[in-house]
C-alpha atoms as a PDB file:
ATOM      1  CA  MET A   1      60.745 -52.702  79.670  1.00  0.00           C
ATOM      2  CA  SER A   2      62.766 -51.785  82.692  1.00  0.00           C
ATOM      3  CA  SER A   3      60.499 -52.505  85.645  1.00  0.00           C
ATOM      4  CA  THR A   4      57.086 -53.356  87.042  1.00  0.00           C
ATOM      5  CA  LEU A   5      55.081 -51.284  89.473  1.00  0.00           C
ATOM      6  CA  LYS A   6      56.480 -51.164  93.015  1.00  0.00           C
ATOM      7  CA  ALA A   7      55.289 -49.746  96.317  1.00  0.00           C
ATOM      8  CA  VAL A   8      58.039 -47.340  97.427  1.00  0.00           C
ATOM      9  CA  GLN A   9      57.635 -44.941 100.329  1.00  0.00           C
ATOM     10  CA  THR A  10      58.894 -41.654  98.927  1.00  0.00           C
ATOM     11  CA  ARG A  11      59.578 -38.236 100.432  1.00  0.00           C
ATOM     12  CA  PHE A  12      60.991 -35.066  98.908  1.00  0.00           C
ATOM     13  CA  ARG A  13      61.642 -31.964 100.988  1.00  0.00           C
ATOM     14  CA  ALA A  14      62.761 -28.468 100.050  1.00  0.00           C
ATOM     15  CA  TYR A  15      64.215 -26.686 103.070  1.00  0.00           C
ATOM     16  CA  GLN A  16      63.851 -23.053 104.024  1.00  0.00           C
ATOM     17  CA  LEU A  17      67.322 -21.662 104.695  1.00  0.00           C
ATOM     18  CA  GLY A  18      66.822 -18.106 105.932  1.00  0.00           C
ATOM     19  CA  GLN A  19      69.401 -17.021 103.349  1.00  0.00           C
ATOM     20  CA  ALA A  20      70.200 -17.491  99.672  1.00  0.00           C
ATOM     21  CA  GLY A  21      70.790 -21.077  98.603  1.00  0.00           C
ATOM     22  CA  SER A  22      69.274 -24.495  98.054  1.00  0.00           C
ATOM     23  CA  SER A  23      68.774 -27.593 100.173  1.00  0.00           C
ATOM     24  CA  PHE A  24      66.628 -30.619  99.310  1.00  0.00           C
ATOM     25  CA  SER A  25      66.320 -34.270 100.248  1.00  0.00           C
ATOM     26  CA  TYR A  26      64.828 -37.283  98.468  1.00  0.00           C
ATOM     27  CA  LEU A  27      63.974 -40.565 100.170  1.00  0.00           C
ATOM     28  CA  ALA A  28      63.104 -43.609  98.053  1.00  0.00           C
ATOM     29  CA  GLY A  29      62.454 -46.659 100.185  1.00  0.00           C
ATOM     30  CA  ASN A  30      65.342 -46.616 102.639  1.00  0.00           C
ATOM     31  CA  HIS A  31      67.725 -44.643 100.400  1.00  0.00           C
ATOM     32  CA  PHE A  32      68.238 -41.026 101.515  1.00  0.00           C
ATOM     33  CA  THR A  33      69.885 -38.446  99.230  1.00  0.00           C
ATOM     34  CA  LEU A  34      70.743 -34.949 100.407  1.00  0.00           C
ATOM     35  CA  ILE A  35      70.781 -32.563  97.457  1.00  0.00           C
ATOM     36  CA  GLU A  36      73.225 -29.649  97.884  1.00  0.00           C
ATOM     37  CA  ALA A  37      75.622 -28.968 100.754  1.00  0.00           C
ATOM     38  CA  VAL A  38      74.184 -25.882 102.453  1.00  0.00           C
ATOM     39  CA  ILE A  39      73.430 -25.994 106.182  1.00  0.00           C
ATOM     40  CA  THR A  40      72.082 -23.086 108.226  1.00  0.00           C
ATOM     41  CA  ASP A  41      70.551 -22.653 111.674  1.00  0.00           C
ATOM     42  CA  VAL A  42      67.153 -22.790 109.961  1.00  0.00           C
ATOM     43  CA  ASN A  43      67.392 -26.005 107.937  1.00  0.00           C
ATOM     44  CA  GLN A  44      69.703 -28.024 110.201  1.00  0.00           C
ATOM     45  CA  PRO A  45      67.021 -29.002 112.767  1.00  0.00           C
ATOM     46  CA  ARG A  46      64.498 -29.643 109.977  1.00  0.00           C
ATOM     47  CA  LEU A  47      66.938 -31.940 108.189  1.00  0.00           C
ATOM     48  CA  LEU A  48      67.538 -33.896 111.388  1.00  0.00           C
ATOM     49  CA  GLU A  49      63.765 -34.145 111.891  1.00  0.00           C
ATOM     50  CA  GLU A  50      63.391 -35.448 108.350  1.00  0.00           C
ATOM     51  CA  LEU A  51      66.075 -38.080 108.877  1.00  0.00           C
ATOM     52  CA  ALA A  52      64.348 -39.203 112.071  1.00  0.00           C
ATOM     53  CA  ALA A  53      60.993 -39.377 110.260  1.00  0.00           C
ATOM     54  CA  CYS A  54      62.690 -41.619 107.693  1.00  0.00           C
ATOM     55  CA  SER A  55      64.266 -43.778 110.448  1.00  0.00           C
ATOM     56  CA  LYS A  56      67.725 -42.683 109.299  1.00  0.00           C
ATOM     57  CA  GLU A  57      70.718 -41.413 111.250  1.00  0.00           C
ATOM     58  CA  LYS A  58      73.038 -40.886 108.267  1.00  0.00           C
ATOM     59  CA  ILE A  59      72.562 -40.048 104.614  1.00  0.00           C
ATOM     60  CA  ASP A  60      73.360 -42.478 101.814  1.00  0.00           C
ATOM     61  CA  VAL A  61      74.323 -39.963  99.122  1.00  0.00           C
ATOM     62  CA  LEU A  62      75.367 -36.315  99.055  1.00  0.00           C
ATOM     63  CA  HIS A  63      74.539 -34.895  95.621  1.00  0.00           C
ATOM     64  CA  ILE A  64      75.975 -31.446  94.791  1.00  0.00           C
ATOM     65  CA  THR A  65      74.889 -29.776  91.541  1.00  0.00           C
ATOM     66  CA  SER A  66      77.230 -26.745  91.532  1.00  0.00           C
ATOM     67  CA  TRP A  67      80.379 -25.439  93.229  1.00  0.00           C
ATOM     68  CA  ASP A  68      78.731 -22.049  93.893  1.00  0.00           C
ATOM     69  CA  GLN A  69      78.453 -21.261  97.610  1.00  0.00           C
ATOM     70  CA  ASP A  70      74.644 -21.234  97.520  1.00  0.00           C
ATOM     71  CA  HIS A  71      74.846 -24.924  96.536  1.00  0.00           C
ATOM     72  CA  CYS A  72      77.999 -26.016  98.368  1.00  0.00           C
ATOM     73  CA  SER A  73      79.251 -23.928 101.286  1.00  0.00           C
ATOM     74  CA  GLU A  74      82.417 -24.785 103.189  1.00  0.00           C
ATOM     75  CA  SER A  75      80.685 -24.741 106.565  1.00  0.00           C
ATOM     76  CA  GLY A  76      77.696 -26.714 105.306  1.00  0.00           C
ATOM     77  CA  LEU A  77      79.856 -29.375 103.697  1.00  0.00           C
ATOM     78  CA  GLU A  78      82.006 -29.676 106.821  1.00  0.00           C
ATOM     79  CA  TRP A  79      78.926 -30.234 109.013  1.00  0.00           C
ATOM     80  CA  ILE A  80      77.467 -32.804 106.614  1.00  0.00           C
ATOM     81  CA  LEU A  81      80.678 -34.810 106.362  1.00  0.00           C
ATOM     82  CA  LYS A  82      81.160 -34.765 110.118  1.00  0.00           C
ATOM     83  CA  ASN A  83      77.605 -35.538 111.183  1.00  0.00           C
ATOM     84  CA  LEU A  84      75.845 -37.343 108.321  1.00  0.00           C
ATOM     85  CA  ALA A  85      78.736 -39.497 106.994  1.00  0.00           C
ATOM     86  CA  PRO A  86      77.691 -40.182 103.383  1.00  0.00           C
ATOM     87  CA  LEU A  87      79.307 -43.204 101.749  1.00  0.00           C
ATOM     88  CA  LYS A  88      78.720 -41.736  98.294  1.00  0.00           C
ATOM     89  CA  ILE A  89      79.341 -38.168  97.118  1.00  0.00           C
ATOM     90  CA  GLU A  90      78.349 -36.924  93.664  1.00  0.00           C
ATOM     91  CA  HIS A  91      80.075 -33.618  93.006  1.00  0.00           C
ATOM     92  CA  PRO A  92      80.218 -31.232  90.023  1.00  0.00           C
ATOM     93  CA  GLY A  93      82.398 -32.397  87.180  1.00  0.00           C
ATOM     94  CA  TYR A  94      83.925 -29.030  86.331  1.00  0.00           C
ATOM     95  CA  VAL A  95      87.113 -27.690  87.898  1.00  0.00           C
ATOM     96  CA  PRO A  96      86.478 -25.722  91.126  1.00  0.00           C
ATOM     97  CA  HIS A  97      86.733 -22.071  90.092  1.00  0.00           C
ATOM     98  CA  THR A  98      86.785 -20.222  93.421  1.00  0.00           C
ATOM     99  CA  THR A  99      88.745 -20.509  96.652  1.00  0.00           C
ATOM    100  CA  SER A 100      85.619 -21.765  98.410  1.00  0.00           C
ATOM    101  CA  ALA A 101      85.067 -24.421  95.738  1.00  0.00           C
ATOM    102  CA  GLU A 102      88.706 -25.531  95.921  1.00  0.00           C
ATOM    103  CA  ASN A 103      88.410 -25.856  99.703  1.00  0.00           C
ATOM    104  CA  CYS A 104      85.247 -27.938  99.323  1.00  0.00           C
ATOM    105  CA  MET A 105      86.924 -30.292  96.846  1.00  0.00           C
ATOM    106  CA  ARG A 106      89.872 -30.604  99.221  1.00  0.00           C
ATOM    107  CA  ALA A 107      87.524 -31.431 102.104  1.00  0.00           C
ATOM    108  CA  ILE A 108      85.866 -34.181 100.045  1.00  0.00           C
ATOM    109  CA  THR A 109      89.245 -35.671  99.141  1.00  0.00           C
ATOM    110  CA  GLN A 110      90.393 -35.628 102.768  1.00  0.00           C
ATOM    111  CA  TYR A 111      87.103 -37.176 103.859  1.00  0.00           C
ATOM    112  CA  ARG A 112      87.576 -40.096 101.461  1.00  0.00           C
ATOM    113  CA  GLN A 113      91.168 -40.549 102.607  1.00  0.00           C
ATOM    114  CA  LYS A 114      90.127 -40.554 106.261  1.00  0.00           C
ATOM    115  CA  TRP A 115      87.648 -43.378 105.704  1.00  0.00           C
ATOM    116  CA  ALA A 116      90.052 -45.259 103.440  1.00  0.00           C
ATOM    117  CA  ALA A 117      92.531 -45.345 106.348  1.00  0.00           C
ATOM    118  CA  LYS A 118      89.803 -47.209 108.254  1.00  0.00           C
ATOM    119  CA  GLN A 119      89.350 -49.546 105.283  1.00  0.00           C
ATOM    120  CA  ILE A 120      85.939 -48.110 104.479  1.00  0.00           C
ATOM    121  CA  ALA A 121      85.389 -47.106 100.861  1.00  0.00           C
ATOM    122  CA  VAL A 122      83.651 -43.824 100.108  1.00  0.00           C
ATOM    123  CA  ASN A 123      82.518 -43.547  96.498  1.00  0.00           C
ATOM    124  CA  VAL A 124      83.371 -40.030  95.282  1.00  0.00           C
ATOM    125  CA  GLN A 125      82.094 -39.456  91.747  1.00  0.00           C
ATOM    126  CA  ALA A 126      82.650 -36.391  89.572  1.00  0.00           C
ATOM    127  CA  ILE A 127      79.606 -35.943  87.335  1.00  0.00           C
ATOM    128  CA  ASP A 128      81.445 -34.955  84.178  1.00  0.00           C
ATOM    129  CA  PRO A 129      81.042 -35.709  80.445  1.00  0.00           C
ATOM    130  CA  PRO A 130      83.126 -38.928  80.502  1.00  0.00           C
ATOM    131  CA  TYR A 131      81.000 -40.251  83.371  1.00  0.00           C
ATOM    132  CA  ILE A 132      77.775 -39.325  81.573  1.00  0.00           C
ATOM    133  CA  ARG A 133      78.995 -41.114  78.420  1.00  0.00           C
ATOM    134  CA  SER A 134      79.915 -44.219  80.432  1.00  0.00           C
ATOM    135  CA  LEU A 135      76.355 -44.794  81.614  1.00  0.00           C
ATOM    136  CA  GLU A 136      74.039 -47.213  79.864  1.00  0.00           C
ATOM    137  CA  PRO A 137      70.983 -45.666  78.187  1.00  0.00           C
ATOM    138  CA  THR A 138      67.716 -45.982  80.078  1.00  0.00           C
ATOM    139  CA  ALA A 139      64.785 -47.299  78.065  1.00  0.00           C
ATOM    140  CA  GLY A 140      61.212 -47.304  79.278  1.00  0.00           C
ATOM    141  CA  PRO A 141      59.614 -46.421  82.615  1.00  0.00           C
ATOM    142  CA  GLY A 142      61.050 -47.666  85.867  1.00  0.00           C
ATOM    143  CA  TYR A 143      62.997 -46.763  88.989  1.00  0.00           C
ATOM    144  CA  ARG A 144      66.474 -46.071  87.671  1.00  0.00           C
ATOM    145  CA  ASP A 145      67.910 -42.562  88.174  1.00  0.00           C
ATOM    146  CA  ILE A 146      69.120 -40.744  85.056  1.00  0.00           C
ATOM    147  CA  PHE A 147      71.911 -38.186  84.612  1.00  0.00           C
ATOM    148  CA  TYR A 148      71.321 -35.848  81.664  1.00  0.00           C
ATOM    149  CA  HIS A 149      74.064 -33.242  81.982  1.00  0.00           C
ATOM    150  CA  PRO A 150      76.839 -32.110  81.717  1.00  0.00           C
ATOM    151  CA  ARG A 151      77.267 -33.845  78.342  1.00  0.00           C
ATOM    152  CA  GLU A 152      80.032 -31.349  77.608  1.00  0.00           C
ATOM    153  CA  LEU A 153      81.630 -28.556  79.632  1.00  0.00           C
ATOM    154  CA  ARG A 154      80.749 -24.928  78.907  1.00  0.00           C
ATOM    155  CA  ASP A 155      82.526 -21.624  79.524  1.00  0.00           C
ATOM    156  CA  ASN A 156      79.635 -20.564  81.768  1.00  0.00           C
ATOM    157  CA  SER A 157      80.008 -22.578  85.000  1.00  0.00           C
ATOM    158  CA  ASN A 158      76.253 -22.432  85.628  1.00  0.00           C
ATOM    159  CA  ASP A 159      75.740 -24.512  82.498  1.00  0.00           C
ATOM    160  CA  ASN A 160      78.012 -27.203  83.939  1.00  0.00           C
ATOM    161  CA  SER A 161      75.523 -27.884  86.731  1.00  0.00           C
ATOM    162  CA  THR A 162      74.488 -31.496  87.155  1.00  0.00           C
ATOM    163  CA  ILE A 163      71.033 -32.404  85.884  1.00  0.00           C
ATOM    164  CA  LYS A 164      69.708 -35.545  87.562  1.00  0.00           C
ATOM    165  CA  PHE A 165      66.303 -37.207  87.360  1.00  0.00           C
ATOM    166  CA  PHE A 166      65.486 -38.954  90.642  1.00  0.00           C
ATOM    167  CA  ARG A 167      63.241 -41.930  89.754  1.00  0.00           C
ATOM    168  CA  GLY A 168      63.852 -44.359  92.614  1.00  0.00           C
ATOM    169  CA  GLY A 169      60.572 -43.580  94.354  1.00  0.00           C
ATOM    170  CA  SER A 170      56.883 -43.647  93.561  1.00  0.00           C
ATOM    171  CA  PHE A 171      57.072 -40.073  92.210  1.00  0.00           C
ATOM    172  CA  ASN A 172      59.939 -38.509  90.272  1.00  0.00           C
ATOM    173  CA  VAL A 173      61.961 -35.321  90.867  1.00  0.00           C
ATOM    174  CA  LEU A 174      63.983 -33.404  88.262  1.00  0.00           C
ATOM    175  CA  SER A 175      66.965 -31.476  89.680  1.00  0.00           C
ATOM    176  CA  LEU A 176      68.374 -28.797  87.341  1.00  0.00           C
ATOM    177  CA  GLY A 177      70.960 -26.889  89.369  1.00  0.00           C
ATOM    178  CA  ASP A 178      71.760 -23.463  87.885  1.00  0.00           C
ATOM    179  CA  VAL A 179      71.611 -24.269  84.166  1.00  0.00           C
ATOM    180  CA  GLU A 180      70.766 -21.323  81.900  1.00  0.00           C
ATOM    181  CA  ASP A 181      71.461 -22.293  78.284  1.00  0.00           C
ATOM    182  CA  ARG A 182      68.448 -22.692  75.993  1.00  0.00           C
ATOM    183  CA  ASN A 183      70.229 -25.444  74.062  1.00  0.00           C
ATOM    184  CA  ILE A 184      70.325 -27.558  77.226  1.00  0.00           C
ATOM    185  CA  ALA A 185      66.583 -26.978  77.598  1.00  0.00           C
ATOM    186  CA  ALA A 186      66.089 -28.038  73.977  1.00  0.00           C
ATOM    187  CA  MET A 187      68.015 -31.252  74.676  1.00  0.00           C
ATOM    188  CA  LEU A 188      65.783 -32.032  77.655  1.00  0.00           C
ATOM    189  CA  ARG A 189      62.659 -31.446  75.567  1.00  0.00           C
ATOM    190  CA  ARG A 190      63.753 -34.319  73.314  1.00  0.00           C
ATOM    191  CA  CYS A 191      64.103 -36.795  76.212  1.00  0.00           C
ATOM    192  CA  LYS A 192      61.056 -39.058  76.097  1.00  0.00           C
ATOM    193  CA  THR A 193      61.394 -40.371  79.647  1.00  0.00           C
ATOM    194  CA  LEU A 194      61.408 -36.833  81.065  1.00  0.00           C
ATOM    195  CA  CYS A 195      58.398 -35.864  78.978  1.00  0.00           C
ATOM    196  CA  ARG A 196      56.480 -38.901  80.284  1.00  0.00           C
ATOM    197  CA  GLU A 197      57.465 -38.962  83.933  1.00  0.00           C
ATOM    198  CA  VAL A 198      58.340 -35.627  85.574  1.00  0.00           C
ATOM    199  CA  ASP A 199      56.225 -34.966  88.653  1.00  0.00           C
ATOM    200  CA  VAL A 200      58.305 -32.429  90.605  1.00  0.00           C
ATOM    201  CA  MET A 201      60.604 -29.988  88.806  1.00  0.00           C
ATOM    202  CA  ILE A 202      63.078 -27.964  90.859  1.00  0.00           C
ATOM    203  CA  LEU A 203      63.209 -24.668  88.997  1.00  0.00           C
ATOM    204  CA  ALA A 204      66.573 -24.003  87.374  1.00  0.00           C
ATOM    205  CA  HIS A 205      68.686 -21.238  88.955  1.00  0.00           C
ATOM    206  CA  HIS A 206      66.124 -20.540  91.704  1.00  0.00           C
ATOM    207  CA  GLY A 207      63.488 -19.469  89.173  1.00  0.00           C
ATOM    208  CA  ALA A 208      65.580 -16.983  87.188  1.00  0.00           C
ATOM    209  CA  ASP A 209      64.187 -15.666  83.904  1.00  0.00           C
ATOM    210  CA  ASN A 210      67.184 -16.419  81.678  1.00  0.00           C
ATOM    211  CA  GLY A 211      65.555 -18.216  78.757  1.00  0.00           C
ATOM    212  CA  PHE A 212      66.005 -21.759  80.072  1.00  0.00           C
ATOM    213  CA  THR A 213      62.556 -22.149  81.630  1.00  0.00           C
ATOM    214  CA  SER A 214      60.339 -21.448  78.637  1.00  0.00           C
ATOM    215  CA  LYS A 215      56.830 -22.174  77.429  1.00  0.00           C
ATOM    216  CA  LYS A 216      58.220 -24.875  75.117  1.00  0.00           C
ATOM    217  CA  LEU A 217      60.087 -26.595  77.964  1.00  0.00           C
ATOM    218  CA  LEU A 218      57.033 -26.631  80.218  1.00  0.00           C
ATOM    219  CA  GLU A 219      54.747 -27.809  77.418  1.00  0.00           C
ATOM    220  CA  GLU A 220      57.002 -30.782  76.687  1.00  0.00           C
ATOM    221  CA  LEU A 221      58.002 -31.797  80.225  1.00  0.00           C
ATOM    222  CA  LYS A 222      54.594 -31.115  81.797  1.00  0.00           C
ATOM    223  CA  PRO A 223      55.726 -31.215  85.452  1.00  0.00           C
ATOM    224  CA  GLN A 224      52.857 -31.487  87.892  1.00  0.00           C
ATOM    225  CA  ILE A 225      54.428 -28.994  90.293  1.00  0.00           C
ATOM    226  CA  ALA A 226      57.424 -26.655  90.352  1.00  0.00           C
ATOM    227  CA  VAL A 227      59.519 -26.079  93.466  1.00  0.00           C
ATOM    228  CA  CYS A 228      61.681 -23.001  93.961  1.00  0.00           C
ATOM    229  CA  SER A 229      64.350 -22.519  96.616  1.00  0.00           C
ATOM    230  CA  SER A 230      64.487 -18.808  97.371  1.00  0.00           C
ATOM    231  CA  ASN A 231      64.770 -16.571 100.399  1.00  0.00           C
ATOM    232  CA  TYR A 232      61.818 -14.285 101.213  1.00  0.00           C
ATOM    233  CA  ASP A 233      63.669 -11.020 100.633  1.00  0.00           C
ATOM    234  CA  ASN A 234      66.146 -12.156  97.951  1.00  0.00           C
ATOM    235  CA  HIS A 235      67.262  -9.196  95.847  1.00  0.00           C
ATOM    236  CA  PHE A 236      66.843 -11.102  92.566  1.00  0.00           C
ATOM    237  CA  ASP A 237      63.087 -11.454  93.179  1.00  0.00           C
ATOM    238  CA  HIS A 238      63.233 -15.216  92.574  1.00  0.00           C
ATOM    239  CA  PRO A 239      61.152 -16.856  91.302  1.00  0.00           C
ATOM    240  CA  ARG A 240      60.795 -14.120  88.724  1.00  0.00           C
ATOM    241  CA  PRO A 241      57.290 -12.847  87.866  1.00  0.00           C
ATOM    242  CA  GLU A 242      57.854 -13.942  84.255  1.00  0.00           C
ATOM    243  CA  ILE A 243      58.444 -17.532  85.406  1.00  0.00           C
ATOM    244  CA  ARG A 244      55.413 -17.443  87.675  1.00  0.00           C
ATOM    245  CA  ALA A 245      53.325 -16.270  84.727  1.00  0.00           C
ATOM    246  CA  LEU A 246      54.621 -19.101  82.504  1.00  0.00           C
ATOM    247  CA  LEU A 247      53.785 -21.683  85.178  1.00  0.00           C
ATOM    248  CA  HIS A 248      50.338 -20.179  85.698  1.00  0.00           C
ATOM    249  CA  ASP A 249      49.610 -20.292  81.959  1.00  0.00           C
ATOM    250  CA  GLN A 250      50.566 -23.981  81.911  1.00  0.00           C
ATOM    251  CA  GLU A 251      48.503 -24.661  85.059  1.00  0.00           C
ATOM    252  CA  ILE A 252      51.598 -25.802  86.966  1.00  0.00           C
ATOM    253  CA  LYS A 253      51.399 -24.902  90.632  1.00  0.00           C
ATOM    254  CA  ILE A 254      54.537 -23.429  92.173  1.00  0.00           C
ATOM    255  CA  PHE A 255      55.696 -23.975  95.750  1.00  0.00           C
ATOM    256  CA  THR A 256      58.554 -21.939  97.226  1.00  0.00           C
ATOM    257  CA  THR A 257      60.622 -22.034 100.398  1.00  0.00           C
ATOM    258  CA  LYS A 258      60.030 -18.302 100.946  1.00  0.00           C
ATOM    259  CA  THR A 259      57.331 -19.045 103.499  1.00  0.00           C
ATOM    260  CA  GLY A 260      58.507 -22.409 104.794  1.00  0.00           C
ATOM    261  CA  ASP A 261      59.552 -25.952 103.862  1.00  0.00           C
ATOM    262  CA  VAL A 262      57.888 -27.776 100.983  1.00  0.00           C
ATOM    263  CA  MET A 263      57.149 -31.433 101.717  1.00  0.00           C
ATOM    264  CA  VAL A 264      56.126 -33.965  99.060  1.00  0.00           C
ATOM    265  CA  ARG A 265      55.348 -37.477 100.285  1.00  0.00           C
ATOM    266  CA  SER A 266      53.747 -40.589  98.916  1.00  0.00           C
ATOM    267  CA  ILE A 267      50.433 -41.587 100.498  1.00  0.00           C
ATOM    268  CA  GLY A 268      48.060 -44.529 100.288  1.00  0.00           C
ATOM    269  CA  GLY A 269      49.822 -47.575  98.916  1.00  0.00           C
ATOM    270  CA  HIS A 270      52.988 -45.630  97.922  1.00  0.00           C
ATOM    271  CA  THR A 271      52.514 -46.534  94.265  1.00  0.00           C
ATOM    272  CA  ARG A 272      50.608 -43.560  92.822  1.00  0.00           C
ATOM    273  CA  ASP A 273      49.255 -40.846  95.121  1.00  0.00           C
ATOM    274  CA  PHE A 274      51.389 -38.125  96.654  1.00  0.00           C
ATOM    275  CA  ARG A 275      50.668 -35.036  98.736  1.00  0.00           C
ATOM    276  CA  VAL A 276      52.383 -31.643  98.582  1.00  0.00           C
ATOM    277  CA  THR A 277      52.426 -29.528 101.735  1.00  0.00           C
ATOM    278  CA  ASN A 278      53.818 -26.001 102.047  1.00  0.00           C
ATOM    279  CA  TYR A 279      54.468 -25.159 105.697  1.00  0.00           C
ATOM    280  CA  CYS A 280      54.450 -21.754 107.347  1.00  0.00           C
ATOM    281  CA  SER A 281      57.874 -20.446 108.295  1.00  0.00           C
ATOM    282  CA  ASP A 282      59.592 -22.318 111.133  1.00  0.00           C
ATOM    283  CA  THR A 283      56.377 -24.053 112.225  1.00  0.00           C
ATOM    284  CA  THR A 284      54.371 -27.179 111.509  1.00  0.00           C
ATOM    285  CA  LYS A 285      51.373 -25.043 110.536  1.00  0.00           C
ATOM    286  CA  VAL A 286      50.201 -25.855 107.005  1.00  0.00           C
ATOM    287  CA  SER A 287      50.055 -23.017 104.487  1.00  0.00           C
ATOM    288  CA  SER A 288      48.592 -25.105 101.634  1.00  0.00           C
ATOM    289  CA  GLN A 289      48.138 -28.739 100.676  1.00  0.00           C
ATOM    290  CA  HIS A 290      47.407 -30.501  97.373  1.00  0.00           C
ATOM    291  CA  ASP A 291      47.197 -34.111  96.178  1.00  0.00           C
ATOM    292  CA  TYR A 292      48.498 -35.530  92.881  1.00  0.00           C
ATOM    293  CA  LYS A 293      48.998 -38.838  91.085  1.00  0.00           C
ATOM    294  CA  ALA A 294      52.465 -39.928  89.914  1.00  0.00           C
ATOM    295  CA  ARG A 295      52.717 -39.919  86.129  1.00  0.00           C
ATOM    296  CA  LYS A 296      54.737 -43.129  85.782  1.00  0.00           C
ATOM    297  CA  TYR A 297      52.015 -45.101  87.577  1.00  0.00           C
ATOM    298  CA  ARG A 298      50.032 -45.162  84.317  1.00  0.00           C
ATOM    299  CA  TRP A 299      52.922 -46.674  82.395  1.00  0.00           C
ATOM    300  CA  LEU A 300      53.950 -49.206  85.016  1.00  0.00           C
ATOM    301  CA  SER A 301      50.356 -50.385  85.518  1.00  0.00           C
ATOM    302  CA  MET A 302      50.109 -51.558  81.903  1.00  0.00           C
ATOM    303  CA  ASN A 303      50.909 -55.039  80.739  1.00  0.00           C
ATOM    304  CA  ALA A 304      54.035 -55.449  78.646  1.00  0.00           C
ATOM    305  CA  ASP A 305      52.240 -55.607  75.279  1.00  0.00           C
ATOM    306  CA  SER A 306      50.142 -52.486  75.881  1.00  0.00           C
ATOM    307  CA  LEU A 307      53.171 -50.566  77.092  1.00  0.00           C
ATOM    308  CA  ARG A 308      55.247 -51.676  74.111  1.00  0.00           C
ATOM    309  CA  ASN A 309      52.538 -50.545  71.695  1.00  0.00           C
ATOM    310  CA  LEU A 310      52.331 -47.114  73.337  1.00  0.00           C
ATOM    311  CA  LEU A 311      56.085 -46.566  73.481  1.00  0.00           C
ATOM    312  CA  HIS A 312      56.804 -48.078  70.055  1.00  0.00           C
ATOM    313  CA  PRO A 313      53.655 -47.740  67.902  1.00  0.00           C
ATOM    314  CA  GLY A 314      53.761 -49.934  64.834  1.00  0.00           C
ATOM    315  CA  PHE A 315      56.338 -52.353  66.285  1.00  0.00           C
ATOM    316  CA  LYS A 316      55.662 -55.827  64.867  1.00  0.00           C
ATOM    317  CA  GLY A 317      58.319 -57.737  66.742  1.00  0.00           C
ATOM    318  CA  LEU A 318      61.844 -58.795  65.903  1.00  0.00           C
ATOM    319  CA  LYS A 319      62.464 -60.498  62.566  1.00  0.00           C
END
C-alpha cells in the first residue's frame, strides 16, 4: 500500500483563453503545476490571481502535453519563463515538428542554460518512451503522480501527447492532451488505478469525436466530471455533440471554458469533498456549482487488511 489518507489543499483551474487552446493549473499542497504554455490577455490576469490565492509567486512545474501552438505558443512560453520561473519543465518527448515547436524547444534549452550559468539547476525532462519505461510501477492508492503515455512514438503527433494522472492532491485529475488513437484508450481502460481514482478528466483533443472518448472508456474510468477547454465560437464545435451525448448517457457532468473559468477546489477538511464552480465570462459571477467526493478517499480510509482484500481478493499472504 502506497499511502495513508492525508489532508491536502487542492485546486484545479481551467482557464478561458478567448481563443483556441488550453491552459490549466493544479495545486496540491504548496506544489503548483501549470499545464500547457498558452498565455493570452484573458487568462494572464486570472493565472496571476490564482497564484496569489495559492500564496505563490512562481510556479513549480511547467507541464506541456503537445508541441502544437494551442498547447505551447512561443509568446506564452516566453512570458511564463520570464515571469513564473519554473524550476522543472516537462515537455513532449517527440521531436518538434514545426518552426514554432523548434523555437519553443530552443527557448527551453536557453532558459536552462541561463539558470545553469547562475549555478541554479532547472530540471528539463522530455516525456518520452525511455523516460516512461524508467519509472517504477505504482501500486495501490496514494498521492504519487503517474505518467501513462507515450509508451511508444506514433506517426500521428497527436498520439504522442503526454498523458499524466495528477494524484498529489485530495482529488485527482487526468490530463490527456490531444490523443486520438483507440488503442491508447484501450490501454487506459486496463489501468486499475485510473479506473478506481479519476475524479476530473480533461477531455482529449478539446472534446473531439475521433473514437478515443468512447462509451467503453467512460464506463471503465468513471470520471466524476469532464472538463473541456474550448473557445465559444470555435469552428470545430468542441466539445462535439456526440461527446456531450456520451457524457450525458454516463451521467458525467461536463464543464467547459466557453463561458468562463472552471474552478475545482477541495473543501472541508481537504481529504474528501471538492466543489466545482463554472464562472461567467471574465467575471466572478457563478454560472453553476456542484459538490463531489474524491474517489480515492474510500480506498485510503480503509485499514491495510481491508484494502488488501479489495485490491487482491483471495490473497492469503506470502508463503
